[in-house]
Amino acid sequence: MSYVNRVSPNVYRIPITKARVNLGQVVRRAHLDKECFILEKDGIPLAGIIDIDELEHYLEFRDPKLRTQVRASYRAYRHGKAKPLDHLLAELKPHTRKQHR
C-alpha cells in the first residue's frame, strides 16, 4: 500500500477511496496487526478504522463514572496510597484459601 502515509508506528493516513478498494486488507491489518487507519478525503481526516478491542476500550473510557474512578485511583497512587502488586496478592492469598474451604 504505497498510498498509505505513516503517522506513527501503528497509525497510518489513507485516502478514503483507497481504503474502500482495499477494505478487507485494511480491516485485517487493523485487527491482526493492531494498526490504526485515518481515512482522509482531499487530505482532510474524516474517520478512523481501529481494532474492536481498541474501540471497546475507548467506549468504556468515555463513561464518566469510569473516568472519575481512574482519576481517583491515580491521585491515590501519586499520594503513595498504592501498594505493590506482590503485597496485595500476599494479602489476598490467605483470604482466598478460607473461601475455598
C-alpha atoms as a PDB file:
ATOM      1  CA  MET A   1       0.000   0.000   0.000  1.00  0.00           C
ATOM      2  CA  SER A   2       2.267   2.761  -1.243  1.00  0.00           C
ATOM      3  CA  TYR A   3      -0.501   5.358  -0.891  1.00  0.00           C
ATOM      4  CA  VAL A   4      -0.502   4.952   2.914  1.00  0.00           C
ATOM      5  CA  ASN A   5       1.372   7.592   4.920  1.00  0.00           C
ATOM      6  CA  ARG A   6       2.755   6.549   8.305  1.00  0.00           C
ATOM      7  CA  VAL A   7       1.889   8.978  11.122  1.00  0.00           C
ATOM      8  CA  SER A   8       3.435   6.978  13.965  1.00  0.00           C
ATOM      9  CA  PRO A   9       4.499   3.338  14.416  1.00  0.00           C
ATOM     10  CA  ASN A  10       0.988   1.857  14.065  1.00  0.00           C
ATOM     11  CA  VAL A  11      -1.033   4.805  12.721  1.00  0.00           C
ATOM     12  CA  TYR A  12      -1.461   5.418   9.008  1.00  0.00           C
ATOM     13  CA  ARG A  13      -3.257   8.038   6.908  1.00  0.00           C
ATOM     14  CA  ILE A  14      -5.009   6.675   3.836  1.00  0.00           C
ATOM     15  CA  PRO A  15      -7.287   8.237   1.207  1.00  0.00           C
ATOM     16  CA  ILE A  16     -10.837   7.025   1.742  1.00  0.00           C
ATOM     17  CA  THR A  17     -11.086   5.911  -1.898  1.00  0.00           C
ATOM     18  CA  LYS A  18      -8.046   3.636  -1.462  1.00  0.00           C
ATOM     19  CA  ALA A  19      -9.442   2.293   1.812  1.00  0.00           C
ATOM     20  CA  ARG A  20     -12.710   1.439   0.065  1.00  0.00           C
ATOM     21  CA  VAL A  21     -10.923  -0.519  -2.657  1.00  0.00           C
ATOM     22  CA  ASN A  22      -8.696  -2.310  -0.094  1.00  0.00           C
ATOM     23  CA  LEU A  23     -11.167  -2.526   2.795  1.00  0.00           C
ATOM     24  CA  GLY A  24     -10.538  -6.210   3.506  1.00  0.00           C
ATOM     25  CA  GLN A  25      -6.782  -5.682   3.788  1.00  0.00           C
ATOM     26  CA  VAL A  26      -7.175  -2.517   5.898  1.00  0.00           C
ATOM     27  CA  VAL A  27      -9.551  -4.258   8.331  1.00  0.00           C
ATOM     28  CA  ARG A  28      -7.291  -7.317   8.532  1.00  0.00           C
ATOM     29  CA  ARG A  29      -4.294  -5.142   9.414  1.00  0.00           C
ATOM     30  CA  ALA A  30      -6.328  -3.220  11.972  1.00  0.00           C
ATOM     31  CA  HIS A  31      -7.488  -6.431  13.607  1.00  0.00           C
ATOM     32  CA  LEU A  32      -4.426  -8.681  13.374  1.00  0.00           C
ATOM     33  CA  ASP A  33      -1.576  -6.156  13.446  1.00  0.00           C
ATOM     34  CA  LYS A  34      -3.339  -3.619  15.718  1.00  0.00           C
ATOM     35  CA  GLU A  35      -2.745  -0.854  13.166  1.00  0.00           C
ATOM     36  CA  CYS A  36      -4.936   2.256  13.068  1.00  0.00           C
ATOM     37  CA  PHE A  37      -6.000   3.973   9.872  1.00  0.00           C
ATOM     38  CA  ILE A  38      -7.086   7.588   9.494  1.00  0.00           C
ATOM     39  CA  LEU A  39      -9.328   7.911   6.457  1.00  0.00           C
ATOM     40  CA  GLU A  40      -8.928  11.162   4.520  1.00  0.00           C
ATOM     41  CA  LYS A  41     -10.827  12.941   1.786  1.00  0.00           C
ATOM     42  CA  ASP A  42      -8.825  15.620  -0.027  1.00  0.00           C
ATOM     43  CA  GLY A  43      -6.217  15.395   2.760  1.00  0.00           C
ATOM     44  CA  ILE A  44      -8.784  16.084   5.490  1.00  0.00           C
ATOM     45  CA  PRO A  45      -9.160  13.392   8.185  1.00  0.00           C
ATOM     46  CA  LEU A  46     -12.772  12.183   8.393  1.00  0.00           C
ATOM     47  CA  ALA A  47     -12.867   8.841  10.203  1.00  0.00           C
ATOM     48  CA  GLY A  48     -10.743   6.022  11.507  1.00  0.00           C
ATOM     49  CA  ILE A  49     -10.510   2.259  11.453  1.00  0.00           C
ATOM     50  CA  ILE A  50      -9.271   0.524  14.599  1.00  0.00           C
ATOM     51  CA  ASP A  51      -9.457  -2.955  16.098  1.00  0.00           C
ATOM     52  CA  ILE A  52     -12.654  -3.750  18.007  1.00  0.00           C
ATOM     53  CA  ASP A  53     -10.742  -4.173  21.294  1.00  0.00           C
ATOM     54  CA  GLU A  54      -9.418  -0.621  20.984  1.00  0.00           C
ATOM     55  CA  LEU A  55     -12.903   0.662  20.204  1.00  0.00           C
ATOM     56  CA  GLU A  56     -14.331  -1.088  23.264  1.00  0.00           C
ATOM     57  CA  HIS A  57     -11.618   0.444  25.479  1.00  0.00           C
ATOM     58  CA  TYR A  58     -12.361   3.859  24.006  1.00  0.00           C
ATOM     59  CA  LEU A  59     -16.100   3.499  24.597  1.00  0.00           C
ATOM     60  CA  GLU A  60     -15.583   2.276  28.165  1.00  0.00           C
ATOM     61  CA  PHE A  61     -13.335   5.227  28.957  1.00  0.00           C
ATOM     62  CA  ARG A  62     -15.991   7.656  27.766  1.00  0.00           C
ATOM     63  CA  ASP A  63     -18.118   6.550  30.743  1.00  0.00           C
ATOM     64  CA  PRO A  64     -17.947   9.451  33.245  1.00  0.00           C
ATOM     65  CA  LYS A  65     -18.060   7.067  36.237  1.00  0.00           C
ATOM     66  CA  LEU A  66     -15.029   5.158  34.969  1.00  0.00           C
ATOM     67  CA  ARG A  67     -13.093   8.371  34.278  1.00  0.00           C
ATOM     68  CA  THR A  68     -13.828   9.551  37.827  1.00  0.00           C
ATOM     69  CA  GLN A  69     -12.640   6.224  39.225  1.00  0.00           C
ATOM     70  CA  VAL A  70      -9.426   6.339  37.164  1.00  0.00           C
ATOM     71  CA  ARG A  71      -8.686   9.910  38.315  1.00  0.00           C
ATOM     72  CA  ALA A  72      -9.269   8.960  41.963  1.00  0.00           C
ATOM     73  CA  SER A  73      -7.019   5.911  41.631  1.00  0.00           C
ATOM     74  CA  TYR A  74      -4.276   7.969  40.022  1.00  0.00           C
ATOM     75  CA  ARG A  75      -4.487  10.577  42.814  1.00  0.00           C
ATOM     76  CA  ALA A  76      -4.184   7.807  45.417  1.00  0.00           C
ATOM     77  CA  TYR A  77      -1.169   6.401  43.565  1.00  0.00           C
ATOM     78  CA  ARG A  78       0.510   9.839  43.420  1.00  0.00           C
ATOM     79  CA  HIS A  79      -0.030  10.281  47.164  1.00  0.00           C
ATOM     80  CA  GLY A  80       1.638   6.953  47.948  1.00  0.00           C
ATOM     81  CA  LYS A  81      -1.559   5.139  48.868  1.00  0.00           C
ATOM     82  CA  ALA A  82      -0.999   2.393  46.315  1.00  0.00           C
ATOM     83  CA  LYS A  83       0.811  -0.795  47.242  1.00  0.00           C
ATOM     84  CA  PRO A  84       2.958  -3.094  45.127  1.00  0.00           C
ATOM     85  CA  LEU A  85       1.135  -5.972  43.441  1.00  0.00           C
ATOM     86  CA  ASP A  86       3.039  -8.653  45.370  1.00  0.00           C
ATOM     87  CA  HIS A  87       1.858  -7.106  48.682  1.00  0.00           C
ATOM     88  CA  LEU A  88      -1.746  -7.107  47.502  1.00  0.00           C
ATOM     89  CA  LEU A  89      -1.501 -10.708  46.310  1.00  0.00           C
ATOM     90  CA  ALA A  90       0.014 -11.759  49.648  1.00  0.00           C
ATOM     91  CA  GLU A  91      -2.922 -10.138  51.451  1.00  0.00           C
ATOM     92  CA  LEU A  92      -5.465 -11.804  49.207  1.00  0.00           C
ATOM     93  CA  LYS A  93      -3.912 -15.276  49.287  1.00  0.00           C
ATOM     94  CA  PRO A  94      -4.952 -16.269  52.856  1.00  0.00           C
ATOM     95  CA  HIS A  95      -8.412 -14.803  52.238  1.00  0.00           C
ATOM     96  CA  THR A  96      -8.830 -16.846  49.050  1.00  0.00           C
ATOM     97  CA  ARG A  97      -7.882 -20.104  50.809  1.00  0.00           C
ATOM     98  CA  LYS A  98     -10.518 -19.527  53.507  1.00  0.00           C
ATOM     99  CA  GLN A  99     -13.238 -19.060  50.891  1.00  0.00           C
ATOM    100  CA  HIS A 100     -12.450 -22.406  49.198  1.00  0.00           C
ATOM    101  CA  ARG A 101     -12.867 -24.437  52.410  1.00  0.00           C
END
